[in-house]
Amino acid sequence: MKKLSKRQREVLEYLRETWKKTGNFPTVREVSRYLGLKSSGSGYFHLKALIKKGFIEQDPSGRFKWKGFTEEFPRYVPLVGNIKAGYPVESPEFIEDYISVPKILLRGNEEVFSLKVKGNSMENAHILEGDIVIVRKQSIAEIGDIVVALVGDETTIKYLKEKEGRLYLEPANPNYPPIFEPFVILGKVIGLIRKI
């Protein structure tokens, strides 16, 4: 996992959004303008930091590109911290870092984010504290899916279940009770990364 400063996270997010919209990298001047900096040199400083940390590289002509770029955009997925009700999942203030996710876990350009697992309520589903789950953003899911849901101001990972027409969240640990509505589904868990 790459540790980035707040400014570096902002630049990486700007690069990602610009690439997604245009298929091109912004210029150093555009990066500096986005950051509200008067000097292009300051924007260049942040781009060089992202090179050093392995996110991007510079070709012989001086153009920036994704590290190891071939035909596809490498997937650096935001690692989201505390999500609050009423805010978009990937609001910059919630992004703690970015992680590189193997493309085999993803389909095309689906919108994804990641979360670090806290607690042991899903241990019988082999999701352990400290694991990082990869989550596809979606507001509905199938019964039996493992979902990330917002309950009040708390984010939780549970099975989505239904009983007598009522949806609820079921832990994979008998020491925890089920959680009945209201809750908001933020996405479906599609992968897991574990440090061993």
C-alpha atoms as a PDB file:
ATOM      1  CA  MET A   1       0.000   0.000   0.000  1.00  0.00           C
ATOM      2  CA  LYS A   2       1.360   3.416  -0.933  1.00  0.00           C
ATOM      3  CA  LYS A   3       1.284   6.184   1.658  1.00  0.00           C
ATOM      4  CA  LEU A   4       0.306   9.499   0.117  1.00  0.00           C
ATOM      5  CA  SER A   5       0.042  13.002   1.513  1.00  0.00           C
ATOM      6  CA  LYS A   6      -3.322  14.797   1.314  1.00  0.00           C
ATOM      7  CA  ARG A   7      -2.061  16.874  -1.650  1.00  0.00           C
ATOM      8  CA  GLN A   8      -0.764  13.775  -3.443  1.00  0.00           C
ATOM      9  CA  ARG A   9      -4.145  12.064  -2.978  1.00  0.00           C
ATOM     10  CA  GLU A  10      -5.834  15.146  -4.476  1.00  0.00           C
ATOM     11  CA  VAL A  11      -3.491  15.100  -7.476  1.00  0.00           C
ATOM     12  CA  LEU A  12      -3.944  11.362  -8.026  1.00  0.00           C
ATOM     13  CA  GLU A  13      -7.731  11.748  -7.877  1.00  0.00           C
ATOM     14  CA  TYR A  14      -7.554  14.647 -10.366  1.00  0.00           C
ATOM     15  CA  LEU A  15      -5.390  12.544 -12.710  1.00  0.00           C
ATOM     16  CA  ARG A  16      -7.826   9.643 -12.413  1.00  0.00           C
ATOM     17  CA  GLU A  17     -10.900  11.802 -13.095  1.00  0.00           C
ATOM     18  CA  THR A  18      -9.246  13.616 -16.020  1.00  0.00           C
ATOM     19  CA  TRP A  19      -8.120  10.314 -17.519  1.00  0.00           C
ATOM     20  CA  LYS A  20     -11.616   8.842 -17.113  1.00  0.00           C
ATOM     21  CA  LYS A  21     -13.233  11.840 -18.860  1.00  0.00           C
ATOM     22  CA  THR A  22     -10.689  12.560 -21.601  1.00  0.00           C
ATOM     23  CA  GLY A  23      -8.344   9.575 -21.929  1.00  0.00           C
ATOM     24  CA  ASN A  24      -5.405  11.957 -21.400  1.00  0.00           C
ATOM     25  CA  PHE A  25      -3.289  13.218 -18.553  1.00  0.00           C
ATOM     26  CA  PRO A  26      -3.620  16.867 -17.540  1.00  0.00           C
ATOM     27  CA  THR A  27      -0.597  19.089 -18.121  1.00  0.00           C
ATOM     28  CA  VAL A  28       1.633  20.274 -15.276  1.00  0.00           C
ATOM     29  CA  ARG A  29       0.026  23.711 -15.654  1.00  0.00           C
ATOM     30  CA  GLU A  30      -3.472  22.190 -15.349  1.00  0.00           C
ATOM     31  CA  VAL A  31      -2.451  20.259 -12.234  1.00  0.00           C
ATOM     32  CA  SER A  32      -1.047  23.439 -10.689  1.00  0.00           C
ATOM     33  CA  ARG A  33      -4.211  25.368 -11.569  1.00  0.00           C
ATOM     34  CA  TYR A  34      -6.393  22.601 -10.071  1.00  0.00           C
ATOM     35  CA  LEU A  35      -4.420  22.833  -6.819  1.00  0.00           C
ATOM     36  CA  GLY A  36      -4.681  26.632  -6.804  1.00  0.00           C
ATOM     37  CA  LEU A  37      -0.918  27.043  -7.136  1.00  0.00           C
ATOM     38  CA  LYS A  38       0.654  29.985  -8.958  1.00  0.00           C
ATOM     39  CA  SER A  39       3.816  28.144  -9.917  1.00  0.00           C
ATOM     40  CA  SER A  40       3.855  25.219 -12.358  1.00  0.00           C
ATOM     41  CA  GLY A  41       6.905  24.005 -10.489  1.00  0.00           C
ATOM     42  CA  SER A  42       4.733  23.207  -7.460  1.00  0.00           C
ATOM     43  CA  GLY A  43       2.439  21.012  -9.545  1.00  0.00           C
ATOM     44  CA  TYR A  44       5.492  19.320 -11.050  1.00  0.00           C
ATOM     45  CA  PHE A  45       6.802  18.625  -7.521  1.00  0.00           C
ATOM     46  CA  HIS A  46       3.615  16.644  -6.677  1.00  0.00           C
ATOM     47  CA  LEU A  47       3.739  14.730  -9.976  1.00  0.00           C
ATOM     48  CA  LYS A  48       7.379  13.785  -9.304  1.00  0.00           C
ATOM     49  CA  ALA A  49       6.336  12.518  -5.845  1.00  0.00           C
ATOM     50  CA  LEU A  50       3.747  10.245  -7.505  1.00  0.00           C
ATOM     51  CA  ILE A  51       6.475   8.956  -9.838  1.00  0.00           C
ATOM     52  CA  LYS A  52       8.685   8.181  -6.852  1.00  0.00           C
ATOM     53  CA  LYS A  53       5.832   6.290  -5.176  1.00  0.00           C
ATOM     54  CA  GLY A  54       5.212   4.209  -8.299  1.00  0.00           C
ATOM     55  CA  PHE A  55       1.811   5.502  -9.452  1.00  0.00           C
ATOM     56  CA  ILE A  56       2.885   7.282 -12.643  1.00  0.00           C
ATOM     57  CA  GLU A  57       5.937   7.615 -14.870  1.00  0.00           C
ATOM     58  CA  GLN A  58       7.311  10.078 -17.389  1.00  0.00           C
ATOM     59  CA  ASP A  59       8.168   9.031 -20.930  1.00  0.00           C
ATOM     60  CA  PRO A  60      11.266  10.294 -22.797  1.00  0.00           C
ATOM     61  CA  SER A  61       9.235  13.138 -24.335  1.00  0.00           C
ATOM     62  CA  GLY A  62       8.330  14.383 -20.846  1.00  0.00           C
ATOM     63  CA  ARG A  63       4.674  13.280 -20.926  1.00  0.00           C
ATOM     64  CA  PHE A  64       3.238  11.684 -17.809  1.00  0.00           C
ATOM     65  CA  LYS A  65       1.422   8.351 -17.961  1.00  0.00           C
ATOM     66  CA  TRP A  66       0.259   5.589 -15.664  1.00  0.00           C
ATOM     67  CA  LYS A  67       3.047   3.323 -14.395  1.00  0.00           C
ATOM     68  CA  GLY A  68       3.331   0.287 -16.651  1.00  0.00           C
ATOM     69  CA  PHE A  69       0.669   1.687 -18.978  1.00  0.00           C
ATOM     70  CA  THR A  70      -0.101  -0.526 -21.940  1.00  0.00           C
ATOM     71  CA  GLU A  71      -3.665  -0.569 -23.232  1.00  0.00           C
ATOM     72  CA  GLU A  72      -5.567  -0.342 -19.974  1.00  0.00           C
ATOM     73  CA  PHE A  73      -5.864   2.111 -17.112  1.00  0.00           C
ATOM     74  CA  PRO A  74      -4.288   0.550 -14.005  1.00  0.00           C
ATOM     75  CA  ARG A  75      -6.825   0.346 -11.236  1.00  0.00           C
ATOM     76  CA  TYR A  76      -5.743   2.275  -8.179  1.00  0.00           C
ATOM     77  CA  VAL A  77      -8.819   1.999  -5.991  1.00  0.00           C
ATOM     78  CA  PRO A  78      -9.570   4.491  -3.214  1.00  0.00           C
ATOM     79  CA  LEU A  79      -9.273   3.090   0.307  1.00  0.00           C
ATOM     80  CA  VAL A  80     -12.150   4.801   2.071  1.00  0.00           C
ATOM     81  CA  GLY A  81     -12.145   5.586   5.777  1.00  0.00           C
ATOM     82  CA  ASN A  82     -15.222   6.641   7.710  1.00  0.00           C
ATOM     83  CA  ILE A  83     -18.212   7.105   5.415  1.00  0.00           C
ATOM     84  CA  LYS A  84     -20.910   9.473   6.636  1.00  0.00           C
ATOM     85  CA  ALA A  85     -24.571   9.530   5.688  1.00  0.00           C
ATOM     86  CA  GLY A  86     -25.464  11.997   2.953  1.00  0.00           C
ATOM     87  CA  TYR A  87     -21.959  12.180   1.417  1.00  0.00           C
ATOM     88  CA  PRO A  88     -20.751  10.435  -1.751  1.00  0.00           C
ATOM     89  CA  VAL A  89     -18.729   7.319  -0.920  1.00  0.00           C
ATOM     90  CA  GLU A  90     -15.580   8.609  -2.638  1.00  0.00           C
ATOM     91  CA  SER A  91     -15.628  12.131  -1.203  1.00  0.00           C
ATOM     92  CA  PRO A  92     -11.978  13.249  -0.979  1.00  0.00           C
ATOM     93  CA  GLU A  93     -12.233  13.778   2.779  1.00  0.00           C
ATOM     94  CA  PHE A  94     -12.956  10.063   3.248  1.00  0.00           C
ATOM     95  CA  ILE A  95     -10.136   8.730   1.044  1.00  0.00           C
ATOM     96  CA  GLU A  96      -7.215   7.546   3.178  1.00  0.00           C
ATOM     97  CA  ASP A  97      -5.071   6.024   0.450  1.00  0.00           C
ATOM     98  CA  TYR A  98      -5.137   4.205  -2.887  1.00  0.00           C
ATOM     99  CA  ILE A  99      -4.435   0.525  -3.403  1.00  0.00           C
ATOM    100  CA  SER A 100      -3.512  -1.316  -6.580  1.00  0.00           C
ATOM    101  CA  VAL A 101      -6.134  -3.975  -7.319  1.00  0.00           C
ATOM    102  CA  PRO A 102      -5.487  -6.930  -9.657  1.00  0.00           C
ATOM    103  CA  LYS A 103      -7.556  -6.496 -12.815  1.00  0.00           C
ATOM    104  CA  ILE A 104      -8.855 -10.053 -12.443  1.00  0.00           C
ATOM    105  CA  LEU A 105     -11.042  -8.813  -9.552  1.00  0.00           C
ATOM    106  CA  LEU A 106     -12.652  -6.083 -11.667  1.00  0.00           C
ATOM    107  CA  ARG A 107     -14.900  -5.867 -14.709  1.00  0.00           C
ATOM    108  CA  GLY A 108     -14.171  -3.063 -17.152  1.00  0.00           C
ATOM    109  CA  ASN A 109     -14.560   0.396 -15.671  1.00  0.00           C
ATOM    110  CA  GLU A 110     -17.012  -0.477 -12.902  1.00  0.00           C
ATOM    111  CA  GLU A 111     -16.946   1.957  -9.997  1.00  0.00           C
ATOM    112  CA  VAL A 112     -15.197   0.433  -7.009  1.00  0.00           C
ATOM    113  CA  PHE A 113     -13.767   1.429  -3.659  1.00  0.00           C
ATOM    114  CA  SER A 114     -12.117  -0.470  -0.828  1.00  0.00           C
ATOM    115  CA  LEU A 115     -12.524  -0.630   2.933  1.00  0.00           C
ATOM    116  CA  LYS A 116     -10.370  -1.992   5.734  1.00  0.00           C
ATOM    117  CA  VAL A 117     -12.299  -4.527   7.807  1.00  0.00           C
ATOM    118  CA  LYS A 118     -12.763  -3.764  11.495  1.00  0.00           C
ATOM    119  CA  GLY A 119     -14.019  -6.382  13.941  1.00  0.00           C
ATOM    120  CA  ASN A 120     -14.775 -10.095  13.565  1.00  0.00           C
ATOM    121  CA  SER A 121     -18.480 -10.151  12.718  1.00  0.00           C
ATOM    122  CA  MET A 122     -17.765 -11.814   9.328  1.00  0.00           C
ATOM    123  CA  GLU A 123     -15.059 -14.261  10.399  1.00  0.00           C
ATOM    124  CA  ASN A 124     -17.109 -17.346   9.427  1.00  0.00           C
ATOM    125  CA  ALA A 125     -17.226 -15.911   5.892  1.00  0.00           C
ATOM    126  CA  HIS A 126     -13.389 -15.742   6.038  1.00  0.00           C
ATOM    127  CA  ILE A 127     -13.391 -11.941   6.200  1.00  0.00           C
ATOM    128  CA  LEU A 128     -11.036 -11.010   9.018  1.00  0.00           C
ATOM    129  CA  GLU A 129     -10.058  -7.840  10.841  1.00  0.00           C
ATOM    130  CA  GLY A 130      -7.385  -5.976   8.857  1.00  0.00           C
ATOM    131  CA  ASP A 131      -8.465  -7.452   5.509  1.00  0.00           C
ATOM    132  CA  ILE A 132      -9.250  -5.015   2.719  1.00  0.00           C
ATOM    133  CA  VAL A 133     -12.490  -5.679   0.848  1.00  0.00           C
ATOM    134  CA  ILE A 134     -13.011  -4.481  -2.717  1.00  0.00           C
ATOM    135  CA  VAL A 135     -16.524  -3.126  -3.165  1.00  0.00           C
ATOM    136  CA  ARG A 136     -18.502  -2.467  -6.348  1.00  0.00           C
ATOM    137  CA  LYS A 137     -20.617   0.662  -5.871  1.00  0.00           C
ATOM    138  CA  GLN A 138     -24.299  -0.211  -6.155  1.00  0.00           C
ATOM    139  CA  SER A 139     -27.418   0.632  -4.193  1.00  0.00           C
ATOM    140  CA  ILE A 140     -29.200  -2.723  -4.601  1.00  0.00           C
ATOM    141  CA  ALA A 141     -27.985  -6.290  -4.193  1.00  0.00           C
ATOM    142  CA  GLU A 142     -29.206  -9.881  -4.372  1.00  0.00           C
ATOM    143  CA  ILE A 143     -30.268 -11.775  -1.282  1.00  0.00           C
ATOM    144  CA  GLY A 144     -27.197 -13.652  -0.037  1.00  0.00           C
ATOM    145  CA  ASP A 145     -24.677 -11.093  -1.345  1.00  0.00           C
ATOM    146  CA  ILE A 146     -22.075  -9.734   1.042  1.00  0.00           C
ATOM    147  CA  VAL A 147     -22.672  -5.996   1.098  1.00  0.00           C
ATOM    148  CA  VAL A 148     -21.283  -2.834   2.596  1.00  0.00           C
ATOM    149  CA  ALA A 149     -24.109  -0.889   4.202  1.00  0.00           C
ATOM    150  CA  LEU A 150     -24.481   2.350   6.095  1.00  0.00           C
ATOM    151  CA  VAL A 151     -26.362   1.991   9.361  1.00  0.00           C
ATOM    152  CA  GLY A 152     -26.764   5.486  10.791  1.00  0.00           C
ATOM    153  CA  ASP A 153     -23.220   6.851  10.557  1.00  0.00           C
ATOM    154  CA  GLU A 154     -21.528   3.442  10.788  1.00  0.00           C
ATOM    155  CA  THR A 155     -20.331   1.350   7.852  1.00  0.00           C
ATOM    156  CA  THR A 156     -20.756  -2.418   8.198  1.00  0.00           C
ATOM    157  CA  ILE A 157     -20.062  -5.522   6.103  1.00  0.00           C
ATOM    158  CA  LYS A 158     -22.739  -8.237   6.292  1.00  0.00           C
ATOM    159  CA  TYR A 159     -24.802 -10.721   4.280  1.00  0.00           C
ATOM    160  CA  LEU A 160     -27.988  -9.241   2.824  1.00  0.00           C
ATOM    161  CA  LYS A 161     -30.921 -11.433   3.892  1.00  0.00           C
ATOM    162  CA  GLU A 162     -34.703 -11.303   3.804  1.00  0.00           C
ATOM    163  CA  LYS A 163     -37.296 -12.557   6.274  1.00  0.00           C
ATOM    164  CA  GLU A 164     -41.049 -12.198   5.758  1.00  0.00           C
ATOM    165  CA  GLY A 165     -40.498  -9.531   3.117  1.00  0.00           C
ATOM    166  CA  ARG A 166     -38.160  -7.499   5.329  1.00  0.00           C
ATOM    167  CA  LEU A 167     -34.483  -6.985   4.462  1.00  0.00           C
ATOM    168  CA  TYR A 168     -31.834  -7.360   7.138  1.00  0.00           C
ATOM    169  CA  LEU A 169     -28.070  -7.654   7.511  1.00  0.00           C
ATOM    170  CA  GLU A 170     -26.752 -10.930   8.869  1.00  0.00           C
ATOM    171  CA  PRO A 171     -23.280 -11.329  10.394  1.00  0.00           C
ATOM    172  CA  ALA A 172     -21.189 -14.449   9.846  1.00  0.00           C
ATOM    173  CA  ASN A 173     -20.527 -14.809  13.566  1.00  0.00           C
ATOM    174  CA  PRO A 174     -23.174 -16.065  16.039  1.00  0.00           C
ATOM    175  CA  ASN A 175     -21.969 -13.591  18.676  1.00  0.00           C
ATOM    176  CA  TYR A 176     -23.477 -10.685  16.702  1.00  0.00           C
ATOM    177  CA  PRO A 177     -27.195  -9.948  16.182  1.00  0.00           C
ATOM    178  CA  PRO A 178     -28.778  -9.254  12.780  1.00  0.00           C
ATOM    179  CA  ILE A 179     -29.419  -5.628  11.802  1.00  0.00           C
ATOM    180  CA  PHE A 180     -32.865  -4.782  10.462  1.00  0.00           C
ATOM    181  CA  GLU A 181     -33.788  -1.792   8.299  1.00  0.00           C
ATOM    182  CA  PRO A 182     -33.296   1.130   8.025  1.00  0.00           C
ATOM    183  CA  PHE A 183     -29.913   0.890   6.338  1.00  0.00           C
ATOM    184  CA  VAL A 184     -28.461   1.985   2.995  1.00  0.00           C
ATOM    185  CA  ILE A 185     -26.572  -0.402   0.711  1.00  0.00           C
ATOM    186  CA  LEU A 186     -23.385   1.226  -0.593  1.00  0.00           C
ATOM    187  CA  GLY A 187     -22.060  -1.694  -2.598  1.00  0.00           C
ATOM    188  CA  LYS A 188     -21.373  -5.387  -3.029  1.00  0.00           C
ATOM    189  CA  VAL A 189     -18.119  -7.015  -1.860  1.00  0.00           C
ATOM    190  CA  ILE A 190     -16.411  -8.469  -4.948  1.00  0.00           C
ATOM    191  CA  GLY A 191     -12.942  -9.239  -3.647  1.00  0.00           C
ATOM    192  CA  LEU A 192     -10.603  -9.332  -0.690  1.00  0.00           C
ATOM    193  CA  ILE A 193      -6.950  -8.525  -0.152  1.00  0.00           C
ATOM    194  CA  ARG A 194      -5.144  -9.938   2.874  1.00  0.00           C
ATOM    195  CA  LYS A 195      -1.632  -9.230   4.065  1.00  0.00           C
ATOM    196  CA  ILE A 196       0.075 -12.393   5.247  1.00  0.00           C
END
